Amino acid sequence: MNEWRHLPPTARGIAVAASGAVEAARAKDAEAFDEAVEALAAQDQERSGLVLGAVTRLLVEASHQDGVDSDDVRAVLAHCVREAMTWQAEVDPQVVLVLLAGALGVYDPEGEDAPPKATAQARHSALLIASLLGTRPFAEYLAFAFGEISRAEHHD
């Protein structure tokens, strides 16, 4: 919590809730994960989606420095779903794909079904990020994401 005290209240709430959800996912602690997902889902969905999407994109780019192609997206999706299925039976590959495609800027919600509900978005974002992180520190990528978003907002 203290590492995020410099952030505005909305961003701080997202950072704390996202950290809890991702860390519980990394630990595969189902009880803590369910509680953390509820806390994350209670945050502003648009803002948390922006932040978690930025973290996801940064992690994918860090893992695929020569660029990302459709085979890479399939591999990331398959890895996340296989890993999550070992302890989260309700993981939905379609939701993971929507979140991954959205993070990479290739998802067009026009003509699609409604976007994932807040709880599904929070659950699957945390699972996807935990899968992508490996041993990398979540806080570092979260800080980069907040920095990118802040710069983009100041340039608009």
Protein backbone atom coordinates (compact mmCIF):
# COMPACT_ATOMS: atom_id res chain seq x y z
CA MET A 1 0.00 0.00 0.00
CA ASN A 2 2.75 2.44 0.93
CA GLU A 3 4.46 2.14 -2.43
CA TRP A 4 1.33 3.61 -4.08
CA ARG A 5 0.61 6.46 -1.63
CA HIS A 6 1.85 9.04 -4.16
CA LEU A 7 -0.96 8.13 -6.57
CA PRO A 8 -4.34 9.86 -6.66
CA PRO A 9 -7.07 7.95 -4.75
CA THR A 10 -8.63 6.23 -7.78
CA ALA A 11 -5.26 5.09 -9.14
CA ARG A 12 -4.13 4.03 -5.66
CA GLY A 13 -7.25 1.88 -5.23
CA ILE A 14 -6.61 0.20 -8.58
CA ALA A 15 -2.94 -0.37 -7.75
CA VAL A 16 -3.67 -1.91 -4.37
CA ALA A 17 -6.53 -4.08 -5.65
CA ALA A 18 -4.61 -5.20 -8.76
CA SER A 19 -1.54 -6.03 -6.69
CA GLY A 20 -3.63 -8.18 -4.37
CA ALA A 21 -5.31 -10.02 -7.25
CA VAL A 22 -2.12 -10.64 -9.20
CA GLU A 23 -0.16 -11.77 -6.15
CA ALA A 24 -2.98 -14.14 -5.12
CA ALA A 25 -3.03 -15.50 -8.69
CA ARG A 26 0.72 -16.00 -8.63
CA ALA A 27 0.38 -17.89 -5.34
CA LYS A 28 -2.63 -19.84 -6.69
CA ASP A 29 -4.43 -18.99 -3.45
CA ALA A 30 -8.07 -19.42 -4.47
CA GLU A 31 -9.60 -17.86 -1.35
CA ALA A 32 -7.35 -14.79 -1.39
CA PHE A 33 -7.81 -14.54 -5.16
CA ASP A 34 -11.60 -14.48 -4.93
CA GLU A 35 -11.47 -11.71 -2.33
CA ALA A 36 -8.91 -9.73 -4.32
CA VAL A 37 -10.92 -10.10 -7.54
CA GLU A 38 -13.97 -8.64 -5.79
CA ALA A 39 -11.88 -5.70 -4.59
CA LEU A 40 -10.50 -5.17 -8.10
CA ALA A 41 -13.94 -5.49 -9.70
CA ALA A 42 -15.22 -2.79 -7.33
CA GLN A 43 -12.77 -0.27 -8.85
CA ASP A 44 -13.66 1.97 -11.80
CA GLN A 45 -13.82 -0.63 -14.59
CA GLU A 46 -12.79 1.73 -17.38
CA ARG A 47 -9.75 3.00 -15.49
CA SER A 48 -8.71 -0.39 -14.14
CA GLY A 49 -9.12 -1.88 -17.63
CA LEU A 50 -6.84 0.82 -19.02
CA VAL A 51 -4.20 0.16 -16.37
CA LEU A 52 -4.35 -3.63 -16.56
CA GLY A 53 -4.36 -3.50 -20.34
CA ALA A 54 -1.23 -1.34 -20.29
CA VAL A 55 0.49 -3.77 -17.92
CA THR A 56 -0.49 -6.68 -20.17
CA ARG A 57 0.84 -4.93 -23.28
CA LEU A 58 4.11 -4.05 -21.55
CA LEU A 59 4.59 -7.65 -20.45
CA VAL A 60 3.82 -9.06 -23.90
CA GLU A 61 6.21 -6.58 -25.50
CA ALA A 62 8.93 -7.44 -22.97
CA SER A 63 8.55 -11.13 -23.80
CA HIS A 64 8.44 -10.60 -27.58
CA GLN A 65 10.96 -7.88 -28.31
CA ASP A 66 11.01 -8.69 -32.04
CA GLY A 67 7.27 -8.03 -32.31
CA VAL A 68 4.12 -10.00 -31.66
CA ASP A 69 2.43 -12.14 -34.28
CA SER A 70 -0.67 -14.32 -34.19
CA ASP A 71 1.34 -17.38 -33.13
CA ASP A 72 2.66 -15.42 -30.15
CA VAL A 73 -0.87 -14.37 -29.18
CA ARG A 74 -2.04 -17.99 -29.40
CA ALA A 75 0.90 -19.13 -27.28
CA VAL A 76 0.24 -16.48 -24.60
CA LEU A 77 -3.47 -17.38 -24.56
CA ALA A 78 -2.83 -21.13 -24.36
CA HIS A 79 -0.21 -20.75 -21.63
CA CYS A 80 -2.47 -18.55 -19.52
CA VAL A 81 -5.52 -20.79 -19.87
CA ARG A 82 -3.59 -24.02 -19.21
CA GLU A 83 -1.91 -22.52 -16.16
CA ALA A 84 -5.15 -21.07 -14.77
CA MET A 85 -7.18 -24.25 -15.36
CA THR A 86 -5.05 -26.06 -12.78
CA TRP A 87 -6.72 -24.05 -10.02
CA GLN A 88 -9.45 -21.85 -11.60
CA ALA A 89 -11.87 -24.16 -13.39
CA GLU A 90 -14.08 -21.27 -14.53
CA VAL A 91 -11.37 -19.60 -16.64
CA ASP A 92 -12.89 -18.54 -19.96
CA PRO A 93 -10.46 -18.53 -22.92
CA GLN A 94 -12.71 -16.08 -24.80
CA VAL A 95 -12.45 -13.49 -22.01
CA VAL A 96 -8.67 -13.92 -21.89
CA LEU A 97 -8.53 -13.46 -25.67
CA VAL A 98 -10.65 -10.28 -25.51
CA LEU A 99 -8.43 -8.83 -22.79
CA LEU A 100 -5.23 -9.79 -24.60
CA ALA A 101 -6.44 -8.44 -27.95
CA GLY A 102 -7.65 -5.25 -26.26
CA ALA A 103 -4.29 -4.75 -24.57
CA LEU A 104 -2.55 -5.13 -27.92
CA GLY A 105 -4.95 -2.71 -29.62
CA VAL A 106 -6.38 -5.29 -32.03
CA TYR A 107 -9.77 -5.83 -30.44
CA ASP A 108 -12.69 -4.03 -32.01
CA PRO A 109 -15.69 -4.15 -29.68
CA GLU A 110 -18.01 -2.99 -32.48
CA GLY A 111 -20.39 -5.77 -33.36
CA GLU A 112 -19.17 -7.94 -30.51
CA ASP A 113 -21.08 -9.08 -27.49
CA ALA A 114 -20.95 -6.89 -24.42
CA PRO A 115 -17.49 -6.51 -22.90
CA PRO A 116 -16.67 -8.79 -19.96
CA LYS A 117 -18.41 -7.89 -16.72
CA ALA A 118 -16.28 -6.26 -14.02
CA THR A 119 -15.69 -9.48 -12.08
CA ALA A 120 -14.77 -11.47 -15.20
CA GLN A 121 -12.49 -8.68 -16.37
CA ALA A 122 -10.77 -8.47 -12.98
CA ARG A 123 -10.42 -12.27 -12.64
CA HIS A 124 -9.08 -12.89 -16.11
CA SER A 125 -6.82 -9.82 -16.19
CA ALA A 126 -5.14 -10.96 -12.98
CA LEU A 127 -4.76 -14.50 -14.34
CA LEU A 128 -3.32 -13.21 -17.62
CA ILE A 129 -0.88 -10.84 -15.94
CA ALA A 130 0.24 -13.48 -13.44
CA SER A 131 0.86 -15.86 -16.33
CA LEU A 132 2.89 -13.27 -18.24
CA LEU A 133 4.93 -12.08 -15.26
CA GLY A 134 6.89 -15.20 -14.51
CA THR A 135 9.35 -14.02 -11.87
CA ARG A 136 9.25 -10.35 -12.90
CA PRO A 137 8.02 -7.82 -10.31
CA PHE A 138 4.41 -6.73 -10.85
CA ALA A 139 4.94 -3.39 -9.11
CA GLU A 140 7.55 -2.38 -11.69
CA TYR A 141 5.21 -3.01 -14.63
CA LEU A 142 2.33 -1.36 -12.84
CA ALA A 143 4.44 1.74 -12.23
CA PHE A 144 5.46 1.80 -15.93
CA ALA A 145 1.80 1.53 -16.93
CA PHE A 146 0.78 4.41 -14.67
CA GLY A 147 3.63 6.47 -16.10
CA GLU A 148 2.57 5.79 -19.69
CA ILE A 149 -1.05 6.63 -18.93
CA SER A 150 -0.07 9.84 -17.16
CA ARG A 151 2.11 10.94 -20.07
CA ALA A 152 -0.64 10.16 -22.58
CA GLU A 153 -3.21 12.10 -20.56
CA HIS A 154 -0.91 15.12 -20.30
CA HIS A 155 -0.31 15.12 -24.06
CA ASP A 156 -4.03 15.10 -24.84
